[in-house]
Amino acid sequence: ISFDVRQGDICGIIGPNGAGKTTLFNCLSRLYTP
C-alpha cells in the first residue's frame, strides 16, 4: 500500500469488510510493524 496525505486535508480510507483498513491504522499507530 502506498499513498500520501497532505497537511490540512481530510483523507478517507474506504473498502469492504476485511479489506485491511484497520490493519493500516494499526501500522500507523505502531500496534503492528509492517
Full PDB file with SEQRES, HELIX, SHEET, SSBOND, CRYST1, ORIGX, SCALE, CONECT and MASTER records, all heavy atoms in Angstrom:
SEQRES   1 A   34  ILE SER PHE ASP VAL ARG GLN GLY ASP ILE CYS GLY ILE          
SEQRES   2 A   34  ILE GLY PRO ASN GLY ALA GLY LYS THR THR LEU PHE ASN          
SEQRES   3 A   34  CYS LEU SER ARG LEU TYR THR PRO                              
HELIX    1 AA1 LYS A   21  LEU A   28  1                                   8    
CRYST1    1.000    1.000    1.000  90.00  90.00  90.00 P 1           1          
ORIGX1      1.000000  0.000000  0.000000        0.00000                         
ORIGX2      0.000000  1.000000  0.000000        0.00000                         
ORIGX3      0.000000  0.000000  1.000000        0.00000                         
SCALE1      1.000000  0.000000  0.000000        0.00000                         
SCALE2      0.000000  1.000000  0.000000        0.00000                         
SCALE3      0.000000  0.000000  1.000000        0.00000                         
ATOM      1  N   ILE A   1       0.845  -1.200   0.000  1.00  0.00           N  
ATOM      2  CA  ILE A   1       0.000   0.000   0.000  1.00  0.00           C  
ATOM      3  C   ILE A   1       0.881   1.252   0.000  1.00  0.00           C  
ATOM      4  O   ILE A   1       1.799   1.372   0.812  1.00  0.00           O  
ATOM      5  CB  ILE A   1      -0.911   0.025   1.230  1.00  0.00           C  
ATOM      6  CG1 ILE A   1      -1.955  -1.097   1.160  1.00  0.00           C  
ATOM      7  CG2 ILE A   1      -1.576   1.389   1.400  1.00  0.00           C  
ATOM      8  CD1 ILE A   1      -3.095  -0.822   0.225  1.00  0.00           C  
ATOM      9  N   SER A   2       0.581   2.188  -0.890  1.00  0.00           N  
ATOM     10  CA  SER A   2       1.293   3.472  -0.940  1.00  0.00           C  
ATOM     11  C   SER A   2       0.299   4.612  -1.150  1.00  0.00           C  
ATOM     12  O   SER A   2      -0.604   4.506  -1.985  1.00  0.00           O  
ATOM     13  CB  SER A   2       2.314   3.498  -2.088  1.00  0.00           C  
ATOM     14  OG  SER A   2       3.326   2.534  -1.911  1.00  0.00           O  
ATOM     15  N   PHE A   3       0.454   5.677  -0.384  1.00  0.00           N  
ATOM     16  CA  PHE A   3      -0.310   6.911  -0.596  1.00  0.00           C  
ATOM     17  C   PHE A   3       0.290   8.003   0.282  1.00  0.00           C  
ATOM     18  O   PHE A   3       0.989   7.731   1.256  1.00  0.00           O  
ATOM     19  CB  PHE A   3      -1.805   6.735  -0.289  1.00  0.00           C  
ATOM     20  CG  PHE A   3      -2.115   6.428   1.153  1.00  0.00           C  
ATOM     21  CD1 PHE A   3      -2.441   7.425   2.048  1.00  0.00           C  
ATOM     22  CD2 PHE A   3      -2.097   5.113   1.603  1.00  0.00           C  
ATOM     23  CE1 PHE A   3      -2.737   7.134   3.374  1.00  0.00           C  
ATOM     24  CE2 PHE A   3      -2.392   4.808   2.924  1.00  0.00           C  
ATOM     25  CZ  PHE A   3      -2.709   5.824   3.816  1.00  0.00           C  
ATOM     26  N   ASP A   4       0.042   9.249  -0.080  1.00  0.00           N  
ATOM     27  CA  ASP A   4       0.463  10.412   0.698  1.00  0.00           C  
ATOM     28  C   ASP A   4      -0.774  11.148   1.198  1.00  0.00           C  
ATOM     29  O   ASP A   4      -1.818  11.150   0.534  1.00  0.00           O  
ATOM     30  CB  ASP A   4       1.297  11.385  -0.146  1.00  0.00           C  
ATOM     31  CG  ASP A   4       2.639  10.811  -0.566  1.00  0.00           C  
ATOM     32  OD1 ASP A   4       3.066   9.800   0.021  1.00  0.00           O  
ATOM     33  OD2 ASP A   4       3.245  11.377  -1.502  1.00  0.00           O  
ATOM     34  N   VAL A   5      -0.646  11.787   2.352  1.00  0.00           N  
ATOM     35  CA  VAL A   5      -1.701  12.659   2.878  1.00  0.00           C  
ATOM     36  C   VAL A   5      -1.092  14.040   3.079  1.00  0.00           C  
ATOM     37  O   VAL A   5      -0.112  14.189   3.802  1.00  0.00           O  
ATOM     38  CB  VAL A   5      -2.274  12.142   4.213  1.00  0.00           C  
ATOM     39  CG1 VAL A   5      -3.341  13.109   4.738  1.00  0.00           C  
ATOM     40  CG2 VAL A   5      -2.862  10.742   4.044  1.00  0.00           C  
ATOM     41  N   ARG A   6      -1.659  15.035   2.407  1.00  0.00           N  
ATOM     42  CA  ARG A   6      -1.146  16.395   2.517  1.00  0.00           C  
ATOM     43  C   ARG A   6      -1.622  17.063   3.804  1.00  0.00           C  
ATOM     44  O   ARG A   6      -2.724  16.799   4.282  1.00  0.00           O  
ATOM     45  CB  ARG A   6      -1.589  17.226   1.313  1.00  0.00           C  
ATOM     46  CG  ARG A   6      -1.093  16.706  -0.023  1.00  0.00           C  
ATOM     47  CD  ARG A   6      -1.620  17.532  -1.168  1.00  0.00           C  
ATOM     48  NE  ARG A   6      -3.084  17.536  -1.184  1.00  0.00           N  
ATOM     49  CZ  ARG A   6      -3.806  18.258  -2.033  1.00  0.00           C  
ATOM     50  NH1 ARG A   6      -3.209  19.059  -2.908  1.00  0.00           N  
ATOM     51  NH2 ARG A   6      -5.126  18.205  -2.000  1.00  0.00           N  
ATOM     52  N   GLN A   7      -0.782  17.932   4.327  1.00  0.00           N  
ATOM     53  CA  GLN A   7      -1.147  18.673   5.524  1.00  0.00           C  
ATOM     54  C   GLN A   7      -2.398  19.513   5.261  1.00  0.00           C  
ATOM     55  O   GLN A   7      -2.526  20.168   4.246  1.00  0.00           O  
ATOM     56  CB  GLN A   7      -0.001  19.583   5.959  1.00  0.00           C  
ATOM     57  CG  GLN A   7      -0.278  20.328   7.249  1.00  0.00           C  
ATOM     58  CD  GLN A   7       0.957  21.027   7.775  1.00  0.00           C  
ATOM     59  OE1 GLN A   7       2.071  20.744   7.357  1.00  0.00           O  
ATOM     60  NE2 GLN A   7       0.759  21.951   8.702  1.00  0.00           N  
ATOM     61  N   GLY A   8      -3.358  19.443   6.192  1.00  0.00           N  
ATOM     62  CA  GLY A   8      -4.586  20.211   6.070  1.00  0.00           C  
ATOM     63  C   GLY A   8      -5.699  19.522   5.319  1.00  0.00           C  
ATOM     64  O   GLY A   8      -6.776  20.092   5.157  1.00  0.00           O  
ATOM     65  N   ASP A   9      -5.476  18.292   4.883  1.00  0.00           N  
ATOM     66  CA  ASP A   9      -6.509  17.552   4.159  1.00  0.00           C  
ATOM     67  C   ASP A   9      -7.262  16.601   5.085  1.00  0.00           C  
ATOM     68  O   ASP A   9      -6.772  16.204   6.143  1.00  0.00           O  
ATOM     69  CB  ASP A   9      -5.893  16.737   3.019  1.00  0.00           C  
ATOM     70  CG  ASP A   9      -5.768  17.537   1.730  1.00  0.00           C  
ATOM     71  OD1 ASP A   9      -6.132  18.732   1.731  1.00  0.00           O  
ATOM     72  OD2 ASP A   9      -5.294  16.973   0.720  1.00  0.00           O  
ATOM     73  N   ILE A  10      -8.453  16.230   4.646  1.00  0.00           N  
ATOM     74  CA  ILE A  10      -9.197  15.122   5.234  1.00  0.00           C  
ATOM     75  C   ILE A  10      -9.131  13.984   4.228  1.00  0.00           C  
ATOM     76  O   ILE A  10      -9.594  14.125   3.088  1.00  0.00           O  
ATOM     77  CB  ILE A  10     -10.663  15.506   5.506  1.00  0.00           C  
ATOM     78  CG1 ILE A  10     -10.733  16.676   6.497  1.00  0.00           C  
ATOM     79  CG2 ILE A  10     -11.443  14.304   6.040  1.00  0.00           C  
ATOM     80  CD1 ILE A  10     -12.123  17.279   6.632  1.00  0.00           C  
ATOM     81  N   CYS A  11      -8.531  12.876   4.631  1.00  0.00           N  
ATOM     82  CA  CYS A  11      -8.361  11.725   3.747  1.00  0.00           C  
ATOM     83  C   CYS A  11      -9.196  10.559   4.272  1.00  0.00           C  
ATOM     84  O   CYS A  11      -9.038  10.143   5.423  1.00  0.00           O  
ATOM     85  CB  CYS A  11      -6.889  11.322   3.668  1.00  0.00           C  
ATOM     86  SG  CYS A  11      -6.574   9.840   2.666  1.00  0.00           S  
ATOM     87  N   GLY A  12     -10.094  10.051   3.448  1.00  0.00           N  
ATOM     88  CA  GLY A  12     -10.923   8.913   3.818  1.00  0.00           C  
ATOM     89  C   GLY A  12     -10.359   7.616   3.264  1.00  0.00           C  
ATOM     90  O   GLY A  12      -9.938   7.563   2.110  1.00  0.00           O  
ATOM     91  N   ILE A  13     -10.339   6.586   4.110  1.00  0.00           N  
ATOM     92  CA  ILE A  13      -9.915   5.242   3.691  1.00  0.00           C  
ATOM     93  C   ILE A  13     -11.158   4.368   3.631  1.00  0.00           C  
ATOM     94  O   ILE A  13     -11.851   4.195   4.645  1.00  0.00           O  
ATOM     95  CB  ILE A  13      -8.903   4.625   4.682  1.00  0.00           C  
ATOM     96  CG1 ILE A  13      -7.747   5.587   4.962  1.00  0.00           C  
ATOM     97  CG2 ILE A  13      -8.398   3.287   4.164  1.00  0.00           C  
ATOM     98  CD1 ILE A  13      -6.833   5.829   3.802  1.00  0.00           C  
ATOM     99  N   ILE A  14     -11.469   3.835   2.468  1.00  0.00           N  
ATOM    100  CA  ILE A  14     -12.672   3.025   2.309  1.00  0.00           C  
ATOM    101  C   ILE A  14     -12.302   1.641   1.795  1.00  0.00           C  
ATOM    102  O   ILE A  14     -11.216   1.418   1.267  1.00  0.00           O  
ATOM    103  CB  ILE A  14     -13.691   3.682   1.365  1.00  0.00           C  
ATOM    104  CG1 ILE A  14     -13.125   3.799  -0.064  1.00  0.00           C  
ATOM    105  CG2 ILE A  14     -14.101   5.058   1.892  1.00  0.00           C  
ATOM    106  CD1 ILE A  14     -14.166   4.225  -1.098  1.00  0.00           C  
ATOM    107  N   GLY A  15     -13.241   0.722   1.949  1.00  0.00           N  
ATOM    108  CA  GLY A  15     -13.060  -0.635   1.465  1.00  0.00           C  
ATOM    109  C   GLY A  15     -14.039  -1.561   2.156  1.00  0.00           C  
ATOM    110  O   GLY A  15     -14.507  -1.265   3.259  1.00  0.00           O  
ATOM    111  N   PRO A  16     -14.368  -2.691   1.540  1.00  0.00           N  
ATOM    112  CA  PRO A  16     -15.286  -3.650   2.157  1.00  0.00           C  
ATOM    113  C   PRO A  16     -14.709  -4.219   3.453  1.00  0.00           C  
ATOM    114  O   PRO A  16     -13.530  -4.024   3.768  1.00  0.00           O  
ATOM    115  CB  PRO A  16     -15.427  -4.746   1.090  1.00  0.00           C  
ATOM    116  CG  PRO A  16     -14.929  -4.144  -0.176  1.00  0.00           C  
ATOM    117  CD  PRO A  16     -13.910  -3.125   0.207  1.00  0.00           C  
ATOM    118  N   ASN A  17     -15.536  -4.922   4.225  1.00  0.00           N  
ATOM    119  CA  ASN A  17     -15.052  -5.590   5.428  1.00  0.00           C  
ATOM    120  C   ASN A  17     -13.889  -6.511   5.082  1.00  0.00           C  
ATOM    121  O   ASN A  17     -13.936  -7.242   4.089  1.00  0.00           O  
ATOM    122  CB  ASN A  17     -16.175  -6.423   6.065  1.00  0.00           C  
ATOM    123  CG  ASN A  17     -17.196  -5.554   6.777  1.00  0.00           C  
ATOM    124  OD1 ASN A  17     -16.857  -4.496   7.289  1.00  0.00           O  
ATOM    125  ND2 ASN A  17     -18.444  -6.000   6.796  1.00  0.00           N  
ATOM    126  N   GLY A  18     -12.849  -6.475   5.911  1.00  0.00           N  
ATOM    127  CA  GLY A  18     -11.696  -7.338   5.681  1.00  0.00           C  
ATOM    128  C   GLY A  18     -10.725  -6.813   4.647  1.00  0.00           C  
ATOM    129  O   GLY A  18      -9.773  -7.509   4.272  1.00  0.00           O  
ATOM    130  N   ALA A  19     -10.918  -5.561   4.198  1.00  0.00           N  
ATOM    131  CA  ALA A  19     -10.047  -5.010   3.147  1.00  0.00           C  
ATOM    132  C   ALA A  19      -8.647  -4.690   3.651  1.00  0.00           C  
ATOM    133  O   ALA A  19      -7.703  -4.622   2.866  1.00  0.00           O  
ATOM    134  CB  ALA A  19     -10.684  -3.754   2.546  1.00  0.00           C  
ATOM    135  N   GLY A  20      -8.508  -4.455   4.964  1.00  0.00           N  
ATOM    136  CA  GLY A  20      -7.199  -4.116   5.521  1.00  0.00           C  
ATOM    137  C   GLY A  20      -7.135  -2.732   6.131  1.00  0.00           C  
ATOM    138  O   GLY A  20      -6.055  -2.265   6.508  1.00  0.00           O  
ATOM    139  N   LYS A  21      -8.286  -2.069   6.262  1.00  0.00           N  
ATOM    140  CA  LYS A  21      -8.306  -0.686   6.746  1.00  0.00           C  
ATOM    141  C   LYS A  21      -7.790  -0.576   8.187  1.00  0.00           C  
ATOM    142  O   LYS A  21      -6.946   0.271   8.488  1.00  0.00           O  
ATOM    143  CB  LYS A  21      -9.730  -0.125   6.655  1.00  0.00           C  
ATOM    144  CG  LYS A  21     -10.339  -0.166   5.263  1.00  0.00           C  
ATOM    145  CD  LYS A  21     -11.698   0.469   5.212  1.00  0.00           C  
ATOM    146  CE  LYS A  21     -12.729  -0.231   6.084  1.00  0.00           C  
ATOM    147  NZ  LYS A  21     -13.006  -1.618   5.629  1.00  0.00           N  
ATOM    148  N   THR A  22      -8.304  -1.417   9.066  1.00  0.00           N  
ATOM    149  CA  THR A  22      -7.875  -1.361  10.465  1.00  0.00           C  
ATOM    150  C   THR A  22      -6.424  -1.801  10.603  1.00  0.00           C  
ATOM    151  O   THR A  22      -5.675  -1.261  11.435  1.00  0.00           O  
ATOM    152  CB  THR A  22      -8.795  -2.223  11.344  1.00  0.00           C  
ATOM    153  OG1 THR A  22     -10.125  -1.689  11.286  1.00  0.00           O  
ATOM    154  CG2 THR A  22      -8.331  -2.216  12.804  1.00  0.00           C  
ATOM    155  N   THR A  23      -5.997  -2.757   9.802  1.00  0.00           N  
ATOM    156  CA  THR A  23      -4.588  -3.168   9.814  1.00  0.00           C  
ATOM    157  C   THR A  23      -3.693  -1.986   9.467  1.00  0.00           C  
ATOM    158  O   THR A  23      -2.646  -1.770  10.089  1.00  0.00           O  
ATOM    159  CB  THR A  23      -4.350  -4.321   8.815  1.00  0.00           C  
ATOM    160  OG1 THR A  23      -5.139  -5.444   9.198  1.00  0.00           O  
ATOM    161  CG2 THR A  23      -2.883  -4.722   8.784  1.00  0.00           C  
ATOM    162  N   LEU A  24      -4.110  -1.199   8.483  1.00  0.00           N  
ATOM    163  CA  LEU A  24      -3.350   0.001   8.107  1.00  0.00           C  
ATOM    164  C   LEU A  24      -3.273   0.978   9.278  1.00  0.00           C  
ATOM    165  O   LEU A  24      -2.191   1.496   9.598  1.00  0.00           O  
ATOM    166  CB  LEU A  24      -4.001   0.663   6.898  1.00  0.00           C  
ATOM    167  CG  LEU A  24      -3.416   2.007   6.458  1.00  0.00           C  
ATOM    168  CD1 LEU A  24      -1.963   1.856   6.053  1.00  0.00           C  
ATOM    169  CD2 LEU A  24      -4.238   2.601   5.316  1.00  0.00           C  
ATOM    170  N   PHE A  25      -4.395   1.234   9.939  1.00  0.00           N  
ATOM    171  CA  PHE A  25      -4.397   2.120  11.102  1.00  0.00           C  
ATOM    172  C   PHE A  25      -3.493   1.585  12.207  1.00  0.00           C  
ATOM    173  O   PHE A  25      -2.806   2.356  12.882  1.00  0.00           O  
ATOM    174  CB  PHE A  25      -5.827   2.280  11.629  1.00  0.00           C  
ATOM    175  CG  PHE A  25      -6.483   3.565  11.209  1.00  0.00           C  
ATOM    176  CD1 PHE A  25      -6.184   4.149   9.987  1.00  0.00           C  
ATOM    177  CD2 PHE A  25      -7.410   4.196  12.013  1.00  0.00           C  
ATOM    178  CE1 PHE A  25      -6.782   5.323   9.592  1.00  0.00           C  
ATOM    179  CE2 PHE A  25      -8.009   5.377  11.637  1.00  0.00           C  
ATOM    180  CZ  PHE A  25      -7.704   5.945  10.424  1.00  0.00           C  
ATOM    181  N   ASN A  26      -3.503   0.286  12.397  1.00  0.00           N  
ATOM    182  CA  ASN A  26      -2.659  -0.304  13.436  1.00  0.00           C  
ATOM    183  C   ASN A  26      -1.179  -0.158  13.119  1.00  0.00           C  
ATOM    184  O   ASN A  26      -0.353  -0.069  14.030  1.00  0.00           O  
ATOM    185  CB  ASN A  26      -3.013  -1.778  13.640  1.00  0.00           C  
ATOM    186  CG  ASN A  26      -4.322  -1.969  14.378  1.00  0.00           C  
ATOM    187  OD1 ASN A  26      -4.812  -1.059  15.042  1.00  0.00           O  
ATOM    188  ND2 ASN A  26      -4.910  -3.152  14.262  1.00  0.00           N  
ATOM    189  N   CYS A  27      -0.831  -0.096  11.837  1.00  0.00           N  
ATOM    190  CA  CYS A  27       0.556   0.184  11.456  1.00  0.00           C  
ATOM    191  C   CYS A  27       0.906   1.641  11.746  1.00  0.00           C  
ATOM    192  O   CYS A  27       1.990   1.941  12.268  1.00  0.00           O  
ATOM    193  CB  CYS A  27       0.773  -0.111   9.969  1.00  0.00           C  
ATOM    194  SG  CYS A  27       0.722  -1.858   9.530  1.00  0.00           S  
ATOM    195  N   LEU A  28      -0.020   2.549  11.431  1.00  0.00           N  
ATOM    196  CA  LEU A  28       0.240   3.972  11.643  1.00  0.00           C  
ATOM    197  C   LEU A  28       0.368   4.311  13.120  1.00  0.00           C  
ATOM    198  O   LEU A  28       1.117   5.220  13.489  1.00  0.00           O  
ATOM    199  CB  LEU A  28      -0.877   4.801  11.013  1.00  0.00           C  
ATOM    200  CG  LEU A  28      -1.003   4.725   9.484  1.00  0.00           C  
ATOM    201  CD1 LEU A  28      -2.240   5.448   9.006  1.00  0.00           C  
ATOM    202  CD2 LEU A  28       0.241   5.292   8.813  1.00  0.00           C  
ATOM    203  N   SER A  29      -0.369   3.601  13.976  1.00  0.00           N  
ATOM    204  CA  SER A  29      -0.280   3.859  15.418  1.00  0.00           C  
ATOM    205  C   SER A  29       0.698   2.923  16.105  1.00  0.00           C  
ATOM    206  O   SER A  29       0.784   2.914  17.329  1.00  0.00           O  
ATOM    207  CB  SER A  29      -1.674   3.758  16.056  1.00  0.00           C  
ATOM    208  OG  SER A  29      -2.299   2.526  15.752  1.00  0.00           O  
ATOM    209  N   ARG A  30       1.431   2.135  15.315  1.00  0.00           N  
ATOM    210  CA  ARG A  30       2.530   1.285  15.788  1.00  0.00           C  
ATOM    211  C   ARG A  30       2.066   0.098  16.631  1.00  0.00           C  
ATOM    212  O   ARG A  30       2.843  -0.500  17.373  1.00  0.00           O  
ATOM    213  CB  ARG A  30       3.582   2.100  16.545  1.00  0.00           C  
ATOM    214  CG  ARG A  30       4.306   3.124  15.684  1.00  0.00           C  
ATOM    215  CD  ARG A  30       5.182   2.476  14.604  1.00  0.00           C  
ATOM    216  NE  ARG A  30       6.349   1.828  15.186  1.00  0.00           N  
ATOM    217  CZ  ARG A  30       6.583   0.513  15.157  1.00  0.00           C  
ATOM    218  NH1 ARG A  30       5.749  -0.315  14.576  1.00  0.00           N  
ATOM    219  NH2 ARG A  30       7.679   0.029  15.704  1.00  0.00           N  
ATOM    220  N   LEU A  31       0.779  -0.260  16.510  1.00  0.00           N  
ATOM    221  CA  LEU A  31       0.330  -1.507  17.138  1.00  0.00           C  
ATOM    222  C   LEU A  31       0.864  -2.699  16.357  1.00  0.00           C  
ATOM    223  O   LEU A  31       1.107  -3.764  16.927  1.00  0.00           O  
ATOM    224  CB  LEU A  31      -1.199  -1.549  17.192  1.00  0.00           C  
ATOM    225  CG  LEU A  31      -1.870  -0.505  18.087  1.00  0.00           C  
ATOM    226  CD1 LEU A  31      -3.381  -0.591  17.960  1.00  0.00           C  
ATOM    227  CD2 LEU A  31      -1.448  -0.695  19.539  1.00  0.00           C  
ATOM    228  N   TYR A  32       1.017  -2.520  15.038  1.00  0.00           N  
ATOM    229  CA  TYR A  32       1.622  -3.531  14.173  1.00  0.00           C  
ATOM    230  C   TYR A  32       2.884  -2.956  13.544  1.00  0.00           C  
ATOM    231  O   TYR A  32       2.981  -1.749  13.321  1.00  0.00           O  
ATOM    232  CB  TYR A  32       0.688  -3.938  13.028  1.00  0.00           C  
ATOM    233  CG  TYR A  32      -0.581  -4.654  13.407  1.00  0.00           C  
ATOM    234  CD1 TYR A  32      -1.613  -4.782  12.482  1.00  0.00           C  
ATOM    235  CD2 TYR A  32      -0.757  -5.212  14.672  1.00  0.00           C  
ATOM    236  CE1 TYR A  32      -2.788  -5.439  12.795  1.00  0.00           C  
ATOM    237  CE2 TYR A  32      -1.933  -5.872  14.997  1.00  0.00           C  
ATOM    238  CZ  TYR A  32      -2.950  -5.977  14.057  1.00  0.00           C  
ATOM    239  OH  TYR A  32      -4.113  -6.625  14.364  1.00  0.00           O  
ATOM    240  N   THR A  33       3.825  -3.839  13.242  1.00  0.00           N  
ATOM    241  CA  THR A  33       5.005  -3.477  12.468  1.00  0.00           C  
ATOM    242  C   THR A  33       4.890  -4.134  11.094  1.00  0.00           C  
ATOM    243  O   THR A  33       4.761  -5.358  11.003  1.00  0.00           O  
ATOM    244  CB  THR A  33       6.295  -3.951  13.156  1.00  0.00           C  
ATOM    245  OG1 THR A  33       6.419  -3.289  14.420  1.00  0.00           O  
ATOM    246  CG2 THR A  33       7.520  -3.627  12.304  1.00  0.00           C  
ATOM    247  N   PRO A  34       4.895  -3.356  10.015  1.00  0.00           N  
ATOM    248  CA  PRO A  34       4.757  -3.940   8.676  1.00  0.00           C  
ATOM    249  C   PRO A  34       5.871  -4.936   8.359  1.00  0.00           C  
ATOM    250  O   PRO A  34       6.993  -4.813   8.860  1.00  0.00           O  
ATOM    251  CB  PRO A  34       4.845  -2.725   7.755  1.00  0.00           C  
ATOM    252  CG  PRO A  34       4.483  -1.561   8.614  1.00  0.00           C  
ATOM    253  CD  PRO A  34       4.986  -1.889   9.978  1.00  0.00           C  
TER     254      PRO A  34                                                      
MASTER        0    0    0    1    0    0    0    6  253    1    0    3          
END                                                                             
